[in-house]
Amino acid sequence: CQFKRSLLQNCSGIEDPTFGYSKGQ
């Protein structure tokens, strides 16, 4: 079954390529 990284939303690294690390989150 497909598990796409886009399912991870804010933790997908797509919109925020730093996965929140640059913001302390």
PDB file of all heavy atoms in Angstrom:
ATOM      1  N   CYS A   1       0.831  -1.206   0.000  1.00  0.00           N
ATOM      2  CA  CYS A   1       0.000   0.000   0.000  1.00  0.00           C
ATOM      3  C   CYS A   1       0.865   1.255   0.000  1.00  0.00           C
ATOM      4  O   CYS A   1       1.937   1.290   0.606  1.00  0.00           O
ATOM      5  CB  CYS A   1      -0.912   0.011   1.224  1.00  0.00           C
ATOM      6  SG  CYS A   1      -2.056  -1.373   1.311  1.00  0.00           S
ATOM      7  N   GLN A   2       0.368   2.271  -0.663  1.00  0.00           N
ATOM      8  CA  GLN A   2       1.088   3.543  -0.728  1.00  0.00           C
ATOM      9  C   GLN A   2       1.102   4.233   0.640  1.00  0.00           C
ATOM     10  O   GLN A   2       0.081   4.311   1.322  1.00  0.00           O
ATOM     11  CB  GLN A   2       0.434   4.486  -1.732  1.00  0.00           C
ATOM     12  CG  GLN A   2       0.484   4.023  -3.171  1.00  0.00           C
ATOM     13  CD  GLN A   2      -0.238   4.975  -4.108  1.00  0.00           C
ATOM     14  OE1 GLN A   2      -0.707   6.036  -3.698  1.00  0.00           O
ATOM     15  NE2 GLN A   2      -0.340   4.594  -5.367  1.00  0.00           N
ATOM     16  N   PHE A   3       2.285   4.695   1.031  1.00  0.00           N
ATOM     17  CA  PHE A   3       2.388   5.631   2.145  1.00  0.00           C
ATOM     18  C   PHE A   3       3.200   6.810   1.622  1.00  0.00           C
ATOM     19  O   PHE A   3       4.428   6.749   1.535  1.00  0.00           O
ATOM     20  CB  PHE A   3       3.068   5.026   3.370  1.00  0.00           C
ATOM     21  CG  PHE A   3       2.956   5.913   4.595  1.00  0.00           C
ATOM     22  CD1 PHE A   3       2.004   5.666   5.562  1.00  0.00           C
ATOM     23  CD2 PHE A   3       3.779   7.018   4.751  1.00  0.00           C
ATOM     24  CE1 PHE A   3       1.878   6.496   6.675  1.00  0.00           C
ATOM     25  CE2 PHE A   3       3.669   7.859   5.850  1.00  0.00           C
ATOM     26  CZ  PHE A   3       2.711   7.595   6.814  1.00  0.00           C
ATOM     27  N   LYS A   4       2.499   7.877   1.269  1.00  0.00           N
ATOM     28  CA  LYS A   4       3.151   9.045   0.690  1.00  0.00           C
ATOM     29  C   LYS A   4       3.609  10.000   1.792  1.00  0.00           C
ATOM     30  O   LYS A   4       2.917  10.192   2.785  1.00  0.00           O
ATOM     31  CB  LYS A   4       2.180   9.772  -0.241  1.00  0.00           C
ATOM     32  CG  LYS A   4       1.669   8.929  -1.397  1.00  0.00           C
ATOM     33  CD  LYS A   4       0.666   9.719  -2.231  1.00  0.00           C
ATOM     34  CE  LYS A   4       0.141   8.909  -3.400  1.00  0.00           C
ATOM     35  NZ  LYS A   4      -0.852   9.665  -4.196  1.00  0.00           N
ATOM     36  N   ARG A   5       4.763  10.602   1.564  1.00  0.00           N
ATOM     37  CA  ARG A   5       5.280  11.528   2.577  1.00  0.00           C
ATOM     38  C   ARG A   5       4.373  12.741   2.759  1.00  0.00           C
ATOM     39  O   ARG A   5       4.376  13.356   3.832  1.00  0.00           O
ATOM     40  CB  ARG A   5       6.704  11.971   2.239  1.00  0.00           C
ATOM     41  CG  ARG A   5       6.845  12.832   1.020  1.00  0.00           C
ATOM     42  CD  ARG A   5       8.301  13.080   0.660  1.00  0.00           C
ATOM     43  NE  ARG A   5       9.016  13.849   1.669  1.00  0.00           N
ATOM     44  CZ  ARG A   5      10.331  14.087   1.644  1.00  0.00           C
ATOM     45  NH1 ARG A   5      11.069  13.586   0.663  1.00  0.00           N
ATOM     46  NH2 ARG A   5      10.914  14.812   2.568  1.00  0.00           N
ATOM     47  N   SER A   6       3.554  13.049   1.758  1.00  0.00           N
ATOM     48  CA  SER A   6       2.626  14.172   1.894  1.00  0.00           C
ATOM     49  C   SER A   6       1.600  13.930   2.999  1.00  0.00           C
ATOM     50  O   SER A   6       1.014  14.882   3.532  1.00  0.00           O
ATOM     51  CB  SER A   6       1.907  14.442   0.563  1.00  0.00           C
ATOM     52  OG  SER A   6       1.197  13.294   0.123  1.00  0.00           O
ATOM     53  N   LEU A   7       1.390  12.657   3.375  1.00  0.00           N
ATOM     54  CA  LEU A   7       0.483  12.347   4.481  1.00  0.00           C
ATOM     55  C   LEU A   7       0.991  12.915   5.800  1.00  0.00           C
ATOM     56  O   LEU A   7       0.218  13.121   6.731  1.00  0.00           O
ATOM     57  CB  LEU A   7       0.317  10.829   4.614  1.00  0.00           C
ATOM     58  CG  LEU A   7      -0.409  10.084   3.501  1.00  0.00           C
ATOM     59  CD1 LEU A   7      -0.317   8.581   3.716  1.00  0.00           C
ATOM     60  CD2 LEU A   7      -1.874  10.517   3.446  1.00  0.00           C
ATOM     61  N   LEU A   8       2.286  13.176   5.855  1.00  0.00           N
ATOM     62  CA  LEU A   8       2.890  13.680   7.086  1.00  0.00           C
ATOM     63  C   LEU A   8       2.708  15.188   7.243  1.00  0.00           C
ATOM     64  O   LEU A   8       3.196  15.767   8.219  1.00  0.00           O
ATOM     65  CB  LEU A   8       4.383  13.318   7.122  1.00  0.00           C
ATOM     66  CG  LEU A   8       4.685  11.811   7.052  1.00  0.00           C
ATOM     67  CD1 LEU A   8       6.194  11.580   6.994  1.00  0.00           C
ATOM     68  CD2 LEU A   8       4.073  11.071   8.216  1.00  0.00           C
ATOM     69  N   GLN A   9       2.091  15.814   6.249  1.00  0.00           N
ATOM     70  CA  GLN A   9       1.706  17.230   6.289  1.00  0.00           C
ATOM     71  C   GLN A   9       2.851  18.147   6.731  1.00  0.00           C
ATOM     72  O   GLN A   9       3.847  18.274   6.051  1.00  0.00           O
ATOM     73  CB  GLN A   9       0.460  17.376   7.174  1.00  0.00           C
ATOM     74  CG  GLN A   9      -0.759  16.671   6.596  1.00  0.00           C
ATOM     75  CD  GLN A   9      -1.947  16.697   7.529  1.00  0.00           C
ATOM     76  OE1 GLN A   9      -2.212  15.727   8.212  1.00  0.00           O
ATOM     77  NE2 GLN A   9      -2.676  17.801   7.559  1.00  0.00           N
ATOM     78  N   ASN A  10       2.736  18.773   7.896  1.00  0.00           N
ATOM     79  CA  ASN A  10       3.765  19.731   8.323  1.00  0.00           C
ATOM     80  C   ASN A  10       5.111  19.072   8.603  1.00  0.00           C
ATOM     81  O   ASN A  10       6.117  19.766   8.743  1.00  0.00           O
ATOM     82  CB  ASN A  10       3.301  20.478   9.583  1.00  0.00           C
ATOM     83  CG  ASN A  10       2.143  21.413   9.299  1.00  0.00           C
ATOM     84  OD1 ASN A  10       1.872  21.754   8.148  1.00  0.00           O
ATOM     85  ND2 ASN A  10       1.435  21.823  10.340  1.00  0.00           N
ATOM     86  N   CYS A  11       5.126  17.755   8.689  1.00  0.00           N
ATOM     87  CA  CYS A  11       6.372  17.030   8.927  1.00  0.00           C
ATOM     88  C   CYS A  11       6.839  16.266   7.684  1.00  0.00           C
ATOM     89  O   CYS A  11       7.666  15.363   7.782  1.00  0.00           O
ATOM     90  CB  CYS A  11       6.202  16.054  10.091  1.00  0.00           C
ATOM     91  SG  CYS A  11       6.132  16.861  11.713  1.00  0.00           S
ATOM     92  N   SER A  12       6.311  16.630   6.526  1.00  0.00           N
ATOM     93  CA  SER A  12       6.684  15.933   5.291  1.00  0.00           C
ATOM     94  C   SER A  12       7.988  16.446   4.698  1.00  0.00           C
ATOM     95  O   SER A  12       8.610  15.777   3.873  1.00  0.00           O
ATOM     96  CB  SER A  12       5.567  16.081   4.258  1.00  0.00           C
ATOM     97  OG  SER A  12       5.439  17.444   3.851  1.00  0.00           O
ATOM     98  N   GLY A  13       8.388  17.653   5.082  1.00  0.00           N
ATOM     99  CA  GLY A  13       9.574  18.260   4.497  1.00  0.00           C
ATOM    100  C   GLY A  13       9.313  18.868   3.137  1.00  0.00           C
ATOM    101  O   GLY A  13      10.248  19.280   2.445  1.00  0.00           O
ATOM    102  N   ILE A  14       8.051  18.931   2.733  1.00  0.00           N
ATOM    103  CA  ILE A  14       7.700  19.476   1.415  1.00  0.00           C
ATOM    104  C   ILE A  14       7.565  20.996   1.489  1.00  0.00           C
ATOM    105  O   ILE A  14       8.252  21.734   0.785  1.00  0.00           O
ATOM    106  CB  ILE A  14       6.403  18.828   0.893  1.00  0.00           C
ATOM    107  CG1 ILE A  14       6.606  17.323   0.689  1.00  0.00           C
ATOM    108  CG2 ILE A  14       5.974  19.483  -0.425  1.00  0.00           C
ATOM    109  CD1 ILE A  14       5.347  16.555   0.339  1.00  0.00           C
ATOM    110  N   GLU A  15       6.684  21.472   2.359  1.00  0.00           N
ATOM    111  CA  GLU A  15       6.508  22.925   2.496  1.00  0.00           C
ATOM    112  C   GLU A  15       7.599  23.539   3.374  1.00  0.00           C
ATOM    113  O   GLU A  15       8.055  24.645   3.118  1.00  0.00           O
ATOM    114  CB  GLU A  15       5.124  23.234   3.073  1.00  0.00           C
ATOM    115  CG  GLU A  15       3.987  22.922   2.097  1.00  0.00           C
ATOM    116  CD  GLU A  15       2.665  23.451   2.588  1.00  0.00           C
ATOM    117  OE1 GLU A  15       2.643  24.198   3.590  1.00  0.00           O
ATOM    118  OE2 GLU A  15       1.642  23.124   1.954  1.00  0.00           O
ATOM    119  N   ASP A  16       7.991  22.826   4.406  1.00  0.00           N
ATOM    120  CA  ASP A  16       9.084  23.282   5.269  1.00  0.00           C
ATOM    121  C   ASP A  16      10.217  22.264   5.164  1.00  0.00           C
ATOM    122  O   ASP A  16      10.212  21.235   5.854  1.00  0.00           O
ATOM    123  CB  ASP A  16       8.608  23.398   6.717  1.00  0.00           C
ATOM    124  CG  ASP A  16       9.756  23.802   7.665  1.00  0.00           C
ATOM    125  OD1 ASP A  16      10.846  24.149   7.161  1.00  0.00           O
ATOM    126  OD2 ASP A  16       9.539  23.768   8.894  1.00  0.00           O
ATOM    127  N   PRO A  17      11.188  22.519   4.305  1.00  0.00           N
ATOM    128  CA  PRO A  17      12.271  21.547   4.103  1.00  0.00           C
ATOM    129  C   PRO A  17      13.178  21.358   5.305  1.00  0.00           C
ATOM    130  O   PRO A  17      14.050  20.490   5.290  1.00  0.00           O
ATOM    131  CB  PRO A  17      13.049  22.135   2.927  1.00  0.00           C
ATOM    132  CG  PRO A  17      12.722  23.584   2.912  1.00  0.00           C
ATOM    133  CD  PRO A  17      11.324  23.707   3.427  1.00  0.00           C
ATOM    134  N   THR A  18      12.968  22.137   6.383  1.00  0.00           N
ATOM    135  CA  THR A  18      13.782  21.960   7.593  1.00  0.00           C
ATOM    136  C   THR A  18      13.032  21.153   8.657  1.00  0.00           C
ATOM    137  O   THR A  18      13.547  20.970   9.760  1.00  0.00           O
ATOM    138  CB  THR A  18      14.213  23.310   8.203  1.00  0.00           C
ATOM    139  OG1 THR A  18      13.082  23.959   8.797  1.00  0.00           O
ATOM    140  CG2 THR A  18      14.844  24.209   7.157  1.00  0.00           C
ATOM    141  N   PHE A  19      11.837  20.680   8.340  1.00  0.00           N
ATOM    142  CA  PHE A  19      11.054  19.860   9.270  1.00  0.00           C
ATOM    143  C   PHE A  19      10.853  20.534  10.627  1.00  0.00           C
ATOM    144  O   PHE A  19      10.769  19.865  11.656  1.00  0.00           O
ATOM    145  CB  PHE A  19      11.720  18.492   9.482  1.00  0.00           C
ATOM    146  CG  PHE A  19      11.846  17.662   8.233  1.00  0.00           C
ATOM    147  CD1 PHE A  19      13.028  17.674   7.500  1.00  0.00           C
ATOM    148  CD2 PHE A  19      10.792  16.887   7.778  1.00  0.00           C
ATOM    149  CE1 PHE A  19      13.155  16.912   6.347  1.00  0.00           C
ATOM    150  CE2 PHE A  19      10.909  16.121   6.619  1.00  0.00           C
ATOM    151  CZ  PHE A  19      12.088  16.135   5.907  1.00  0.00           C
ATOM    152  N   GLY A  20      10.791  21.864  10.622  1.00  0.00           N
ATOM    153  CA  GLY A  20      10.549  22.605  11.853  1.00  0.00           C
ATOM    154  C   GLY A  20      11.784  22.881  12.689  1.00  0.00           C
ATOM    155  O   GLY A  20      11.716  23.627  13.672  1.00  0.00           O
ATOM    156  N   TYR A  21      12.925  22.296  12.323  1.00  0.00           N
ATOM    157  CA  TYR A  21      14.136  22.472  13.147  1.00  0.00           C
ATOM    158  C   TYR A  21      14.616  23.917  13.139  1.00  0.00           C
ATOM    159  O   TYR A  21      15.150  24.398  14.140  1.00  0.00           O
ATOM    160  CB  TYR A  21      15.236  21.521  12.664  1.00  0.00           C
ATOM    161  CG  TYR A  21      15.001  20.087  13.086  1.00  0.00           C
ATOM    162  CD1 TYR A  21      14.106  19.278  12.404  1.00  0.00           C
ATOM    163  CD2 TYR A  21      15.660  19.553  14.190  1.00  0.00           C
ATOM    164  CE1 TYR A  21      13.869  17.958  12.793  1.00  0.00           C
ATOM    165  CE2 TYR A  21      15.440  18.240  14.596  1.00  0.00           C
ATOM    166  CZ  TYR A  21      14.534  17.455  13.894  1.00  0.00           C
ATOM    167  OH  TYR A  21      14.287  16.159  14.295  1.00  0.00           O
ATOM    168  N   SER A  22      14.425  24.605  12.041  1.00  0.00           N
ATOM    169  CA  SER A  22      14.862  25.999  11.959  1.00  0.00           C
ATOM    170  C   SER A  22      14.014  26.924  12.827  1.00  0.00           C
ATOM    171  O   SER A  22      14.386  28.066  13.083  1.00  0.00           O
ATOM    172  CB  SER A  22      14.821  26.485  10.511  1.00  0.00           C
ATOM    173  OG  SER A  22      13.489  26.482  10.019  1.00  0.00           O
ATOM    174  N   LYS A  23      12.870  26.415  13.301  1.00  0.00           N
ATOM    175  CA  LYS A  23      11.975  27.211  14.144  1.00  0.00           C
ATOM    176  C   LYS A  23      11.972  26.725  15.590  1.00  0.00           C
ATOM    177  O   LYS A  23      11.219  27.244  16.411  1.00  0.00           O
ATOM    178  CB  LYS A  23      10.547  27.147  13.590  1.00  0.00           C
ATOM    179  CG  LYS A  23      10.415  27.591  12.148  1.00  0.00           C
ATOM    180  CD  LYS A  23       9.014  27.307  11.623  1.00  0.00           C
ATOM    181  CE  LYS A  23       8.891  27.643  10.141  1.00  0.00           C
ATOM    182  NZ  LYS A  23       7.568  27.269   9.597  1.00  0.00           N
ATOM    183  N   GLY A  24      12.773  25.711  15.871  1.00  0.00           N
ATOM    184  CA  GLY A  24      12.760  25.151  17.215  1.00  0.00           C
ATOM    185  C   GLY A  24      11.543  24.296  17.482  1.00  0.00           C
ATOM    186  O   GLY A  24      11.150  24.086  18.640  1.00  0.00           O
ATOM    187  N   GLN A  25      10.924  23.805  16.402  1.00  0.00           N
ATOM    188  CA  GLN A  25       9.733  22.950  16.506  1.00  0.00           C
ATOM    189  C   GLN A  25       9.979  21.661  15.711  1.00  0.00           C
ATOM    190  O   GLN A  25       9.398  21.450  14.652  1.00  0.00           O
ATOM    191  CB  GLN A  25       8.507  23.681  15.968  1.00  0.00           C
ATOM    192  CG  GLN A  25       8.190  24.972  16.711  1.00  0.00           C
ATOM    193  CD  GLN A  25       6.994  25.696  16.113  1.00  0.00           C
ATOM    194  OE1 GLN A  25       6.674  25.562  14.933  1.00  0.00           O
ATOM    195  NE2 GLN A  25       6.320  26.476  16.942  1.00  0.00           N
TER     196      GLN A  25
END
